[in-house]
Amino acid sequence: MRATLIYGAGDVRIEDVPDPSLREPTDAIVRVVRSCICGSDLWPYAPREATQQGDRIGHEFLGVVEEAGRDVSGLKAGDLVVAPFVWADNTCDFCREGLQTSCRHGGDGTHTVLECVGLKPAIETAFAVVRNGGTVSRVGAPQYRDVPADFGVFFRNITLTGGVAPARAYIEELLPDVLAGRVEPGKVFDRTVGLDQVPDGYRAMADRSALKVLIQP
C-alpha cells in the first residue's frame, strides 16, 4: 500500500509500505477513499528533526471496511466509516456523554469548579480537578494577566467562564428569600469584628485564617 511519511522539516514523501493485517480480534482494516491535511499535521512539518526512517503522518479519513476481526461489533466489510482525529471505543461514560475526545482509561474529576480566589495557583488547581468536559467558573477578581490554559487544557474540552457578578440584578429576586430565612448568605462569614478590629480582619483574611469577615460597628 501507499502511505505518507515525514522524514524531517518540510520533507514529506509518499512511499510503498507493508499492507496492514489483523493483529488483534478487535482490529479492522479500512481502505482510505478520502483524506485531508489537518492543520495539526503542520505542527511537526516545520520543526521536525531529520531521521533516516520516516514516520507515518495524517489522521483524518473516510474509508471502507475491508476486513474486521471476530470481536468487532457494529461494523462489517463494506461499511463506510469516518475516522476523526482521536480514537474512541464509544462505550465508556465520556463517550456516552458525547465527549469521545476524552475516551477513558483515566481518572475523574468534578463537573463544575468555582474559582473564588483570583490567584494563578487557584485557577491552576481548578483546571487540575475539573472533569474533562467540565466547567471552571471564575468569580474571584483575577490578579494575573494570562490564563494558564495550554494545549492540555484545550484538549480536555474544558469551558472557562465567569466574570463580575451583576449583584444588583438579583436583589429583587433573592432578598425576599434572605429576609424569610430560606437563603442564608451569612454562612460565608467565619469571623465577626467590630469597627476597631477592622485592621485585624484584614490581617486575618490576608493570612488565610479567615475566609470572610463580617463587620458589626
N, C-alpha and C. Protein backbone atom coordinates (compact mmCIF):
# COMPACT_ATOMS: atom_id res chain seq x y z
N MET A 1 0.85 -1.19 0.00
CA MET A 1 0.00 0.00 0.00
C MET A 1 0.88 1.24 0.00
N ARG A 2 0.29 2.35 -0.32
CA ARG A 2 0.98 3.63 -0.35
C ARG A 2 0.61 4.45 0.89
N ALA A 3 1.58 5.18 1.41
CA ALA A 3 1.32 5.95 2.62
C ALA A 3 2.17 7.21 2.63
N THR A 4 1.79 8.17 3.47
CA THR A 4 2.51 9.43 3.64
C THR A 4 3.44 9.32 4.84
N LEU A 5 4.71 9.68 4.65
CA LEU A 5 5.68 9.66 5.73
C LEU A 5 6.41 11.00 5.79
N ILE A 6 6.79 11.37 7.00
CA ILE A 6 7.57 12.59 7.19
C ILE A 6 8.95 12.19 7.68
N TYR A 7 9.98 12.76 7.03
CA TYR A 7 11.37 12.44 7.36
C TYR A 7 12.08 13.59 8.08
N GLY A 8 11.52 14.76 7.98
CA GLY A 8 12.14 15.92 8.60
C GLY A 8 11.36 17.16 8.27
N ALA A 9 11.87 18.32 8.66
CA ALA A 9 11.19 19.59 8.41
C ALA A 9 10.97 19.79 6.91
N GLY A 10 9.70 19.86 6.51
CA GLY A 10 9.36 20.07 5.11
C GLY A 10 9.60 18.87 4.21
N ASP A 11 9.99 17.74 4.78
CA ASP A 11 10.34 16.55 3.98
C ASP A 11 9.25 15.48 4.14
N VAL A 12 8.22 15.57 3.32
CA VAL A 12 7.11 14.61 3.32
C VAL A 12 7.16 13.81 2.04
N ARG A 13 7.04 12.50 2.15
CA ARG A 13 7.16 11.62 0.98
C ARG A 13 6.02 10.62 0.94
N ILE A 14 5.68 10.20 -0.26
CA ILE A 14 4.73 9.11 -0.48
C ILE A 14 5.54 7.86 -0.83
N GLU A 15 5.33 6.79 -0.06
CA GLU A 15 6.14 5.59 -0.24
C GLU A 15 5.29 4.33 -0.17
N ASP A 16 5.84 3.24 -0.69
CA ASP A 16 5.23 1.92 -0.52
C ASP A 16 5.57 1.40 0.86
N VAL A 17 4.55 0.92 1.56
CA VAL A 17 4.73 0.36 2.90
C VAL A 17 4.01 -0.99 2.95
N PRO A 18 4.32 -1.83 3.95
CA PRO A 18 3.66 -3.14 4.03
C PRO A 18 2.15 -3.01 4.19
N ASP A 19 1.42 -3.92 3.58
CA ASP A 19 -0.02 -3.94 3.75
C ASP A 19 -0.36 -4.26 5.21
N PRO A 20 -1.45 -3.69 5.72
CA PRO A 20 -1.83 -3.98 7.11
C PRO A 20 -2.43 -5.37 7.23
N SER A 21 -2.44 -5.87 8.45
CA SER A 21 -3.05 -7.17 8.72
C SER A 21 -3.72 -7.12 10.09
N LEU A 22 -4.69 -7.98 10.30
CA LEU A 22 -5.36 -8.05 11.59
C LEU A 22 -4.42 -8.68 12.61
N ARG A 23 -4.15 -7.97 13.68
CA ARG A 23 -3.28 -8.49 14.74
C ARG A 23 -4.05 -8.87 15.98
N GLU A 24 -5.12 -8.15 16.24
CA GLU A 24 -5.97 -8.42 17.39
C GLU A 24 -7.39 -8.68 16.90
N PRO A 25 -8.18 -9.46 17.65
CA PRO A 25 -9.56 -9.73 17.23
C PRO A 25 -10.45 -8.50 17.21
N THR A 26 -9.95 -7.40 17.82
CA THR A 26 -10.72 -6.14 17.80
C THR A 26 -10.27 -5.20 16.69
N ASP A 27 -9.32 -5.64 15.87
CA ASP A 27 -8.82 -4.80 14.78
C ASP A 27 -9.76 -4.81 13.58
N ALA A 28 -9.62 -3.77 12.76
CA ALA A 28 -10.31 -3.71 11.48
C ALA A 28 -9.37 -3.06 10.47
N ILE A 29 -9.48 -3.49 9.23
CA ILE A 29 -8.69 -2.89 8.15
C ILE A 29 -9.62 -2.05 7.30
N VAL A 30 -9.24 -0.78 7.10
CA VAL A 30 -10.07 0.17 6.38
C VAL A 30 -9.29 0.70 5.19
N ARG A 31 -9.92 0.67 4.03
CA ARG A 31 -9.32 1.24 2.82
C ARG A 31 -9.71 2.71 2.73
N VAL A 32 -8.70 3.56 2.70
CA VAL A 32 -8.94 5.01 2.67
C VAL A 32 -9.38 5.43 1.28
N VAL A 33 -10.52 6.12 1.22
CA VAL A 33 -11.01 6.63 -0.06
C VAL A 33 -10.91 8.16 -0.15
N ARG A 34 -10.91 8.83 0.98
CA ARG A 34 -10.71 10.27 1.04
C ARG A 34 -9.96 10.60 2.32
N SER A 35 -9.07 11.58 2.24
CA SER A 35 -8.36 12.04 3.43
C SER A 35 -8.13 13.53 3.30
N CYS A 36 -7.41 14.10 4.23
CA CYS A 36 -7.14 15.54 4.17
C CYS A 36 -5.89 15.84 4.98
N ILE A 37 -5.36 17.01 4.77
CA ILE A 37 -4.25 17.50 5.58
C ILE A 37 -4.84 18.41 6.66
N CYS A 38 -4.67 17.99 7.90
CA CYS A 38 -5.21 18.76 9.02
C CYS A 38 -4.22 19.84 9.42
N GLY A 39 -4.71 20.92 9.99
CA GLY A 39 -3.83 21.97 10.46
C GLY A 39 -2.82 21.46 11.47
N SER A 40 -3.23 20.49 12.31
CA SER A 40 -2.29 19.96 13.30
C SER A 40 -1.20 19.12 12.66
N ASP A 41 -1.41 18.67 11.41
CA ASP A 41 -0.33 17.97 10.70
C ASP A 41 0.85 18.90 10.44
N LEU A 42 0.61 20.21 10.47
CA LEU A 42 1.68 21.17 10.22
C LEU A 42 2.57 21.39 11.45
N TRP A 43 2.09 20.96 12.63
CA TRP A 43 2.91 21.17 13.82
C TRP A 43 4.30 20.54 13.69
N PRO A 44 4.41 19.28 13.24
CA PRO A 44 5.75 18.72 13.09
C PRO A 44 6.41 19.09 11.75
N TYR A 45 5.64 19.68 10.84
CA TYR A 45 6.15 19.90 9.48
C TYR A 45 7.37 20.83 9.46
N ALA A 46 7.36 21.88 10.26
CA ALA A 46 8.48 22.82 10.25
C ALA A 46 9.60 22.46 11.23
N PRO A 47 9.28 22.00 12.46
CA PRO A 47 10.37 21.80 13.42
C PRO A 47 10.94 20.38 13.49
N ARG A 48 10.35 19.43 12.76
CA ARG A 48 10.77 18.04 12.97
C ARG A 48 12.23 17.83 12.59
N GLU A 49 12.95 17.13 13.47
CA GLU A 49 14.35 16.80 13.18
C GLU A 49 14.42 15.71 12.12
N ALA A 50 15.44 15.78 11.29
CA ALA A 50 15.61 14.79 10.22
C ALA A 50 15.97 13.42 10.79
N THR A 51 15.38 12.38 10.19
CA THR A 51 15.66 11.00 10.59
C THR A 51 15.86 10.14 9.35
N GLN A 52 16.54 9.03 9.53
CA GLN A 52 16.75 8.11 8.42
C GLN A 52 15.48 7.35 8.07
N GLN A 53 14.64 7.13 9.08
CA GLN A 53 13.40 6.39 8.87
C GLN A 53 12.21 7.33 9.08
N GLY A 54 11.34 7.36 8.12
CA GLY A 54 10.19 8.26 8.21
C GLY A 54 9.11 7.73 9.13
N ASP A 55 8.26 8.62 9.57
CA ASP A 55 7.10 8.27 10.40
C ASP A 55 5.82 8.57 9.64
N ARG A 56 4.82 7.74 9.86
CA ARG A 56 3.51 8.00 9.24
C ARG A 56 2.95 9.33 9.74
N ILE A 57 2.28 10.03 8.87
CA ILE A 57 1.65 11.29 9.25
C ILE A 57 0.29 11.37 8.57
N GLY A 58 -0.68 11.99 9.25
CA GLY A 58 -2.06 12.05 8.76
C GLY A 58 -2.96 11.25 9.68
N HIS A 59 -4.17 11.75 9.91
CA HIS A 59 -5.00 11.09 10.92
C HIS A 59 -6.51 11.25 10.69
N GLU A 60 -6.94 11.85 9.62
CA GLU A 60 -8.37 12.01 9.36
C GLU A 60 -8.70 11.42 7.99
N PHE A 61 -9.71 10.55 7.96
CA PHE A 61 -10.02 9.95 6.66
C PHE A 61 -11.44 9.39 6.62
N LEU A 62 -11.88 9.15 5.40
CA LEU A 62 -13.14 8.46 5.10
C LEU A 62 -12.74 7.17 4.40
N GLY A 63 -13.31 6.05 4.82
CA GLY A 63 -12.88 4.79 4.24
C GLY A 63 -13.94 3.71 4.25
N VAL A 64 -13.58 2.57 3.70
CA VAL A 64 -14.48 1.42 3.61
C VAL A 64 -13.82 0.25 4.36
N VAL A 65 -14.59 -0.41 5.19
CA VAL A 65 -14.07 -1.55 5.93
C VAL A 65 -13.81 -2.71 4.96
N GLU A 66 -12.56 -3.16 4.94
CA GLU A 66 -12.19 -4.29 4.09
C GLU A 66 -12.26 -5.62 4.84
N GLU A 67 -11.91 -5.57 6.12
CA GLU A 67 -11.88 -6.79 6.92
C GLU A 67 -12.02 -6.41 8.39
N ALA A 68 -12.72 -7.22 9.16
CA ALA A 68 -12.92 -6.93 10.58
C ALA A 68 -12.62 -8.18 11.40
N GLY A 69 -12.01 -7.98 12.57
CA GLY A 69 -11.71 -9.08 13.47
C GLY A 69 -12.97 -9.67 14.07
N ARG A 70 -12.83 -10.84 14.65
CA ARG A 70 -14.01 -11.57 15.14
C ARG A 70 -14.71 -10.88 16.31
N ASP A 71 -13.98 -10.02 17.04
CA ASP A 71 -14.59 -9.35 18.19
C ASP A 71 -15.09 -7.95 17.87
N VAL A 72 -15.03 -7.57 16.60
CA VAL A 72 -15.53 -6.25 16.20
C VAL A 72 -17.04 -6.31 16.07
N SER A 73 -17.73 -5.41 16.73
CA SER A 73 -19.19 -5.37 16.67
C SER A 73 -19.63 -4.04 16.06
N GLY A 74 -20.70 -4.07 15.34
CA GLY A 74 -21.25 -2.85 14.76
C GLY A 74 -20.65 -2.47 13.43
N LEU A 75 -19.65 -3.21 12.97
CA LEU A 75 -19.04 -2.93 11.68
C LEU A 75 -18.82 -4.23 10.92
N LYS A 76 -18.88 -4.13 9.61
CA LYS A 76 -18.64 -5.30 8.77
C LYS A 76 -17.99 -4.85 7.47
N ALA A 77 -17.44 -5.78 6.74
CA ALA A 77 -16.81 -5.46 5.47
C ALA A 77 -17.81 -4.77 4.55
N GLY A 78 -17.35 -3.70 3.90
CA GLY A 78 -18.20 -2.93 3.00
C GLY A 78 -18.80 -1.69 3.63
N ASP A 79 -18.75 -1.58 4.97
CA ASP A 79 -19.30 -0.39 5.63
C ASP A 79 -18.42 0.83 5.38
N LEU A 80 -19.08 1.98 5.20
CA LEU A 80 -18.38 3.25 5.07
C LEU A 80 -18.17 3.83 6.47
N VAL A 81 -16.95 4.23 6.79
CA VAL A 81 -16.66 4.74 8.13
C VAL A 81 -15.92 6.06 8.04
N VAL A 82 -16.04 6.84 9.10
CA VAL A 82 -15.35 8.11 9.24
C VAL A 82 -14.41 8.02 10.43
N ALA A 83 -13.16 8.39 10.23
CA ALA A 83 -12.17 8.38 11.32
C ALA A 83 -11.82 9.81 11.69
N PRO A 84 -12.26 10.29 12.86
CA PRO A 84 -11.84 11.62 13.30
C PRO A 84 -10.41 11.57 13.84
N PHE A 85 -9.99 12.65 14.50
CA PHE A 85 -8.57 12.77 14.82
C PHE A 85 -8.14 12.08 16.11
N VAL A 86 -9.08 11.53 16.88
CA VAL A 86 -8.69 10.71 18.03
C VAL A 86 -9.52 9.44 18.02
N TRP A 87 -8.97 8.39 18.59
CA TRP A 87 -9.71 7.13 18.64
C TRP A 87 -10.61 7.11 19.87
N ALA A 88 -11.68 6.33 19.82
CA ALA A 88 -12.61 6.18 20.93
C ALA A 88 -13.32 4.85 20.80
N ASP A 89 -13.60 4.21 21.94
CA ASP A 89 -14.30 2.92 21.88
C ASP A 89 -15.82 3.09 21.85
N ASN A 90 -16.29 4.32 22.14
CA ASN A 90 -17.71 4.67 22.10
C ASN A 90 -18.55 3.90 23.11
N THR A 91 -17.92 3.40 24.18
CA THR A 91 -18.66 2.65 25.19
C THR A 91 -18.49 3.22 26.59
N CYS A 92 -17.42 3.99 26.85
CA CYS A 92 -17.17 4.48 28.21
C CYS A 92 -18.13 5.63 28.53
N ASP A 93 -18.09 6.10 29.79
CA ASP A 93 -19.01 7.16 30.19
C ASP A 93 -18.77 8.46 29.44
N PHE A 94 -17.50 8.79 29.17
CA PHE A 94 -17.22 10.00 28.40
C PHE A 94 -17.81 9.89 26.99
N CYS A 95 -17.62 8.74 26.35
CA CYS A 95 -18.15 8.55 25.00
C CYS A 95 -19.67 8.65 25.00
N ARG A 96 -20.31 8.04 26.00
CA ARG A 96 -21.78 8.08 26.05
C ARG A 96 -22.30 9.50 26.26
N GLU A 97 -21.46 10.37 26.85
CA GLU A 97 -21.85 11.76 27.04
C GLU A 97 -21.50 12.62 25.83
N GLY A 98 -20.93 11.99 24.79
CA GLY A 98 -20.58 12.73 23.59
C GLY A 98 -19.22 13.39 23.65
N LEU A 99 -18.36 12.94 24.57
CA LEU A 99 -17.02 13.51 24.70
C LEU A 99 -16.00 12.43 24.36
N GLN A 100 -16.08 11.94 23.11
CA GLN A 100 -15.19 10.86 22.69
C GLN A 100 -13.73 11.26 22.69
N THR A 101 -13.43 12.56 22.65
CA THR A 101 -12.04 13.00 22.70
C THR A 101 -11.39 12.70 24.04
N SER A 102 -12.20 12.37 25.04
CA SER A 102 -11.67 12.01 26.36
C SER A 102 -11.94 10.55 26.68
N CYS A 103 -12.06 9.73 25.63
CA CYS A 103 -12.31 8.30 25.86
C CYS A 103 -11.39 7.79 26.95
N ARG A 104 -11.99 7.13 27.92
CA ARG A 104 -11.31 6.89 29.17
C ARG A 104 -10.23 5.87 29.10
N HIS A 105 -9.69 5.65 30.06
CA HIS A 105 -8.71 4.84 30.75
C HIS A 105 -7.94 5.82 31.59
N GLY A 106 -8.66 6.83 32.18
CA GLY A 106 -8.02 7.80 33.08
C GLY A 106 -8.93 8.09 34.23
N GLY A 107 -8.57 9.08 35.06
CA GLY A 107 -9.34 9.37 36.27
C GLY A 107 -10.46 10.34 36.04
N ASP A 108 -11.23 10.60 37.11
CA ASP A 108 -12.35 11.51 37.06
C ASP A 108 -12.01 12.80 37.80
N GLY A 109 -12.85 13.77 37.58
CA GLY A 109 -12.79 15.00 38.35
C GLY A 109 -14.21 15.40 38.66
N THR A 110 -14.40 16.66 38.97
CA THR A 110 -15.74 17.16 39.23
C THR A 110 -16.25 17.92 38.01
N HIS A 111 -17.55 17.93 37.81
CA HIS A 111 -18.12 18.55 36.61
C HIS A 111 -17.98 20.07 36.61
N THR A 112 -18.06 20.68 37.80
CA THR A 112 -18.06 22.14 37.88
C THR A 112 -17.15 22.60 39.01
N VAL A 113 -16.29 23.56 38.72
CA VAL A 113 -15.40 24.12 39.73
C VAL A 113 -15.62 25.62 39.79
N LEU A 114 -15.79 26.14 41.01
CA LEU A 114 -15.94 27.57 41.23
C LEU A 114 -14.62 28.10 41.79
N GLU A 115 -13.96 28.95 41.03
CA GLU A 115 -12.67 29.51 41.46
C GLU A 115 -12.94 30.88 42.06
N CYS A 116 -12.81 30.97 43.40
CA CYS A 116 -13.26 32.16 44.12
C CYS A 116 -12.10 33.01 44.64
N VAL A 117 -10.87 32.63 44.34
CA VAL A 117 -9.72 33.30 44.95
C VAL A 117 -9.17 34.42 44.07
N GLY A 118 -8.97 34.11 42.78
CA GLY A 118 -8.44 35.11 41.87
C GLY A 118 -6.94 35.07 41.68
N LEU A 119 -6.26 34.08 42.30
CA LEU A 119 -4.82 33.96 42.14
C LEU A 119 -4.49 32.85 41.14
N LYS A 120 -3.33 32.96 40.51
CA LYS A 120 -2.95 31.99 39.48
C LYS A 120 -2.91 30.55 39.99
N PRO A 121 -2.37 30.29 41.18
CA PRO A 121 -2.40 28.90 41.68
C PRO A 121 -3.82 28.36 41.82
N ALA A 122 -4.78 29.24 42.08
CA ALA A 122 -6.16 28.80 42.23
C ALA A 122 -6.75 28.34 40.90
N ILE A 123 -6.50 29.08 39.83
CA ILE A 123 -7.03 28.67 38.53
C ILE A 123 -6.31 27.42 38.04
N GLU A 124 -5.02 27.28 38.36
CA GLU A 124 -4.29 26.06 38.00
C GLU A 124 -4.87 24.86 38.74
N THR A 125 -5.22 25.04 40.00
CA THR A 125 -5.85 23.96 40.77
C THR A 125 -7.21 23.62 40.19
N ALA A 126 -7.96 24.65 39.79
CA ALA A 126 -9.28 24.42 39.21
C ALA A 126 -9.19 23.57 37.94
N PHE A 127 -8.24 23.89 37.07
CA PHE A 127 -8.05 23.10 35.86
C PHE A 127 -7.63 21.67 36.20
N ALA A 128 -6.88 21.51 37.28
CA ALA A 128 -6.38 20.19 37.64
C ALA A 128 -7.48 19.27 38.17
N VAL A 129 -8.49 19.83 38.82
CA VAL A 129 -9.50 18.99 39.46
C VAL A 129 -10.80 18.89 38.66
N VAL A 130 -10.99 19.75 37.65
CA VAL A 130 -12.23 19.67 36.89
C VAL A 130 -12.21 18.46 35.97
N ARG A 131 -13.36 17.91 35.74
CA ARG A 131 -13.50 16.75 34.88
C ARG A 131 -13.37 17.15 33.42
N ASN A 132 -12.89 16.27 32.58
CA ASN A 132 -12.90 16.53 31.14
C ASN A 132 -14.32 16.87 30.70
N GLY A 133 -14.45 17.93 29.92
CA GLY A 133 -15.77 18.38 29.51
C GLY A 133 -16.47 19.23 30.55
N GLY A 134 -15.81 19.48 31.68
CA GLY A 134 -16.41 20.25 32.76
C GLY A 134 -16.26 21.75 32.58
N THR A 135 -16.69 22.49 33.61
CA THR A 135 -16.70 23.95 33.55
C THR A 135 -15.98 24.53 34.75
N VAL A 136 -15.10 25.48 34.49
CA VAL A 136 -14.46 26.27 35.54
C VAL A 136 -15.03 27.68 35.45
N SER A 137 -15.61 28.14 36.56
CA SER A 137 -16.20 29.47 36.59
C SER A 137 -15.41 30.34 37.55
N ARG A 138 -14.92 31.48 37.05
CA ARG A 138 -14.12 32.40 37.87
C ARG A 138 -15.02 33.49 38.45
N VAL A 139 -15.04 33.58 39.77
CA VAL A 139 -15.76 34.67 40.41
C VAL A 139 -14.84 35.51 41.29
N GLY A 140 -13.61 35.03 41.52
CA GLY A 140 -12.63 35.83 42.22
C GLY A 140 -11.95 36.78 41.24
N ALA A 141 -11.82 38.04 41.62
CA ALA A 141 -11.20 39.02 40.73
C ALA A 141 -9.77 38.57 40.41
N PRO A 142 -9.46 38.32 39.14
CA PRO A 142 -8.14 37.77 38.79
C PRO A 142 -7.00 38.74 39.05
N GLN A 143 -5.95 38.23 39.70
CA GLN A 143 -4.75 39.01 39.98
C GLN A 143 -3.61 38.60 39.06
N TYR A 144 -3.95 38.06 37.90
CA TYR A 144 -2.95 37.63 36.94
C TYR A 144 -3.43 38.03 35.55
N ARG A 145 -2.48 38.20 34.62
CA ARG A 145 -2.83 38.68 33.29
C ARG A 145 -3.19 37.54 32.34
N ASP A 146 -2.44 36.45 32.39
CA ASP A 146 -2.61 35.36 31.44
C ASP A 146 -3.20 34.12 32.11
N VAL A 147 -4.21 33.54 31.49
CA VAL A 147 -4.81 32.30 31.99
C VAL A 147 -3.92 31.13 31.57
N PRO A 148 -3.49 30.29 32.50
CA PRO A 148 -2.60 29.18 32.16
C PRO A 148 -3.35 28.01 31.51
N ALA A 149 -3.87 28.25 30.32
CA ALA A 149 -4.65 27.23 29.61
C ALA A 149 -3.88 26.82 28.36
N ASP A 150 -3.06 25.77 28.49
CA ASP A 150 -2.25 25.31 27.38
C ASP A 150 -3.01 24.28 26.54
N PHE A 151 -2.30 23.59 25.66
CA PHE A 151 -2.97 22.61 24.79
C PHE A 151 -3.61 21.49 25.60
N GLY A 152 -2.98 21.12 26.72
CA GLY A 152 -3.56 20.06 27.54
C GLY A 152 -4.94 20.42 28.06
N VAL A 153 -5.12 21.66 28.48
CA VAL A 153 -6.43 22.13 28.94
C VAL A 153 -7.39 22.21 27.76
N PHE A 154 -6.92 22.73 26.65
CA PHE A 154 -7.75 22.83 25.44
C PHE A 154 -8.26 21.46 25.01
N PHE A 155 -7.38 20.47 25.01
CA PHE A 155 -7.75 19.15 24.51
C PHE A 155 -8.78 18.47 25.39
N ARG A 156 -8.91 18.90 26.64
CA ARG A 156 -9.87 18.29 27.56
C ARG A 156 -11.27 18.89 27.42
N ASN A 157 -11.46 19.84 26.52
CA ASN A 157 -12.77 20.44 26.27
C ASN A 157 -13.36 21.08 27.53
N ILE A 158 -12.52 21.79 28.25
CA ILE A 158 -12.97 22.48 29.47
C ILE A 158 -13.52 23.85 29.09
N THR A 159 -14.66 24.19 29.66
CA THR A 159 -15.26 25.51 29.46
C THR A 159 -14.81 26.44 30.58
N LEU A 160 -14.26 27.59 30.22
CA LEU A 160 -13.87 28.61 31.19
C LEU A 160 -14.82 29.79 31.06
N THR A 161 -15.44 30.13 32.17
CA THR A 161 -16.41 31.23 32.14
C THR A 161 -16.27 32.03 33.43
N GLY A 162 -17.16 32.97 33.64
CA GLY A 162 -17.13 33.77 34.86
C GLY A 162 -17.00 35.24 34.57
N GLY A 163 -17.00 36.01 35.62
CA GLY A 163 -16.91 37.46 35.50
C GLY A 163 -17.45 38.13 36.74
N VAL A 164 -17.60 39.44 36.66
CA VAL A 164 -18.11 40.21 37.80
C VAL A 164 -19.59 39.92 37.99
N ALA A 165 -19.99 39.59 39.21
CA ALA A 165 -21.39 39.28 39.49
C ALA A 165 -22.25 40.53 39.37
N PRO A 166 -23.28 40.52 38.53
CA PRO A 166 -24.20 41.66 38.44
C PRO A 166 -25.18 41.63 39.62
N ALA A 167 -24.66 41.90 40.82
CA ALA A 167 -25.43 41.70 42.04
C ALA A 167 -26.76 42.47 42.05
N ARG A 168 -26.76 43.67 41.49
CA ARG A 168 -27.98 44.49 41.51
C ARG A 168 -29.13 43.78 40.82
N ALA A 169 -28.83 42.99 39.81
CA ALA A 169 -29.89 42.32 39.05
C ALA A 169 -30.63 41.27 39.88
N TYR A 170 -30.01 40.80 40.98
CA TYR A 170 -30.60 39.69 41.74
C TYR A 170 -31.29 40.13 43.03
N ILE A 171 -31.22 41.42 43.36
CA ILE A 171 -31.74 41.86 44.65
C ILE A 171 -33.23 41.56 44.79
N GLU A 172 -34.04 41.97 43.81
CA GLU A 172 -35.49 41.74 43.93
C GLU A 172 -35.82 40.25 43.98
N GLU A 173 -35.05 39.44 43.30
CA GLU A 173 -35.33 38.01 43.26
C GLU A 173 -34.91 37.31 44.55
N LEU A 174 -33.77 37.70 45.12
CA LEU A 174 -33.20 36.94 46.23
C LEU A 174 -33.50 37.53 47.61
N LEU A 175 -33.67 38.84 47.71
CA LEU A 175 -33.84 39.46 49.02
C LEU A 175 -35.03 38.91 49.81
N PRO A 176 -36.19 38.67 49.18
CA PRO A 176 -37.29 38.09 49.94
C PRO A 176 -36.92 36.73 50.57
N ASP A 177 -36.18 35.91 49.87
CA ASP A 177 -35.77 34.62 50.43
C ASP A 177 -34.78 34.80 51.58
N VAL A 178 -33.92 35.80 51.47
CA VAL A 178 -32.97 36.07 52.56
C VAL A 178 -33.73 36.54 53.80
N LEU A 179 -34.65 37.47 53.63
CA LEU A 179 -35.40 38.01 54.76
C LEU A 179 -36.29 36.96 55.40
N ALA A 180 -36.76 36.00 54.58
CA ALA A 180 -37.62 34.94 55.11
C ALA A 180 -36.83 33.78 55.71
N GLY A 181 -35.51 33.83 55.57
CA GLY A 181 -34.68 32.77 56.14
C GLY A 181 -34.54 31.55 55.27
N ARG A 182 -35.05 31.61 54.05
CA ARG A 182 -34.93 30.45 53.16
C ARG A 182 -33.52 30.35 52.55
N VAL A 183 -32.82 31.49 52.45
CA VAL A 183 -31.45 31.54 51.97
C VAL A 183 -30.60 32.21 53.04
N GLU A 184 -29.45 31.61 53.35
CA GLU A 184 -28.60 32.16 54.41
C GLU A 184 -27.22 32.52 53.85
N PRO A 185 -27.10 33.69 53.22
CA PRO A 185 -25.80 34.09 52.66
C PRO A 185 -24.75 34.31 53.73
N GLY A 186 -25.19 34.53 54.98
CA GLY A 186 -24.24 34.79 56.05
C GLY A 186 -23.35 33.62 56.40
N LYS A 187 -23.64 32.43 55.87
CA LYS A 187 -22.82 31.26 56.18
C LYS A 187 -21.38 31.43 55.71
N VAL A 188 -21.16 32.33 54.77
CA VAL A 188 -19.82 32.52 54.25
C VAL A 188 -18.92 33.23 55.27
N PHE A 189 -19.51 33.95 56.21
CA PHE A 189 -18.72 34.67 57.21
C PHE A 189 -18.24 33.72 58.29
N ASP A 190 -16.93 33.72 58.53
CA ASP A 190 -16.40 32.86 59.59
C ASP A 190 -15.69 33.66 60.68
N ARG A 191 -15.81 35.00 60.60
CA ARG A 191 -15.27 35.84 61.68
C ARG A 191 -16.04 37.15 61.71
N THR A 192 -16.30 37.62 62.91
CA THR A 192 -17.02 38.89 63.10
C THR A 192 -16.14 39.83 63.91
N VAL A 193 -16.02 41.07 63.46
CA VAL A 193 -15.22 42.07 64.19
C VAL A 193 -16.02 43.35 64.34
N GLY A 194 -15.62 44.15 65.34
CA GLY A 194 -16.17 45.49 65.48
C GLY A 194 -15.37 46.46 64.64
N LEU A 195 -15.78 47.71 64.66
CA LEU A 195 -15.11 48.70 63.83
C LEU A 195 -13.64 48.84 64.18
N ASP A 196 -13.33 48.81 65.46
CA ASP A 196 -11.94 48.98 65.87
C ASP A 196 -11.07 47.78 65.47
N GLN A 197 -11.69 46.63 65.19
CA GLN A 197 -10.93 45.43 64.85
C GLN A 197 -10.83 45.20 63.33
N VAL A 198 -11.27 46.19 62.55
CA VAL A 198 -11.19 46.04 61.09
C VAL A 198 -9.77 45.74 60.61
N PRO A 199 -8.73 46.42 61.14
CA PRO A 199 -7.37 46.05 60.71
C PRO A 199 -7.04 44.59 60.98
N ASP A 200 -7.55 44.07 62.13
CA ASP A 200 -7.34 42.65 62.42
C ASP A 200 -8.05 41.78 61.38
N GLY A 201 -9.20 42.23 60.93
CA GLY A 201 -9.93 41.48 59.92
C GLY A 201 -9.16 41.40 58.61
N TYR A 202 -8.54 42.51 58.22
CA TYR A 202 -7.71 42.50 57.01
C TYR A 202 -6.57 41.50 57.15
N ARG A 203 -5.89 41.53 58.30
CA ARG A 203 -4.77 40.62 58.51
C ARG A 203 -5.23 39.17 58.48
N ALA A 204 -6.39 38.90 59.07
CA ALA A 204 -6.90 37.53 59.11
C ALA A 204 -7.21 37.00 57.71
N MET A 205 -7.80 37.84 56.87
CA MET A 205 -8.10 37.40 55.52
C MET A 205 -6.83 37.29 54.68
N ALA A 206 -5.86 38.18 54.93
CA ALA A 206 -4.62 38.15 54.16
C ALA A 206 -3.81 36.91 54.44
N ASP A 207 -3.80 36.46 55.72
CA ASP A 207 -3.02 35.26 56.04
C ASP A 207 -3.87 33.98 56.00
N ARG A 208 -5.09 34.11 55.46
CA ARG A 208 -5.98 32.97 55.22
C ARG A 208 -6.47 32.30 56.51
N SER A 209 -6.45 33.03 57.63
CA SER A 209 -7.04 32.46 58.83
C SER A 209 -8.53 32.76 58.93
N ALA A 210 -9.02 33.61 58.02
CA ALA A 210 -10.45 33.89 57.89
C ALA A 210 -10.81 33.91 56.42
N LEU A 211 -11.98 33.35 56.13
CA LEU A 211 -12.46 33.32 54.76
C LEU A 211 -13.14 34.62 54.37
N LYS A 212 -14.05 35.08 55.27
CA LYS A 212 -14.81 36.31 55.01
C LYS A 212 -15.13 36.94 56.36
N VAL A 213 -14.85 38.20 56.50
CA VAL A 213 -15.02 38.89 57.79
C VAL A 213 -16.26 39.79 57.75
N LEU A 214 -17.12 39.62 58.76
CA LEU A 214 -18.31 40.46 58.91
C LEU A 214 -17.98 41.58 59.90
N ILE A 215 -18.33 42.81 59.53
CA ILE A 215 -18.08 43.97 60.42
C ILE A 215 -19.39 44.40 61.04
N GLN A 216 -19.40 44.45 62.36
CA GLN A 216 -20.56 44.95 63.10
C GLN A 216 -20.12 46.19 63.88
N PRO A 217 -20.35 47.40 63.35
CA PRO A 217 -19.91 48.63 64.04
C PRO A 217 -20.53 48.75 65.44
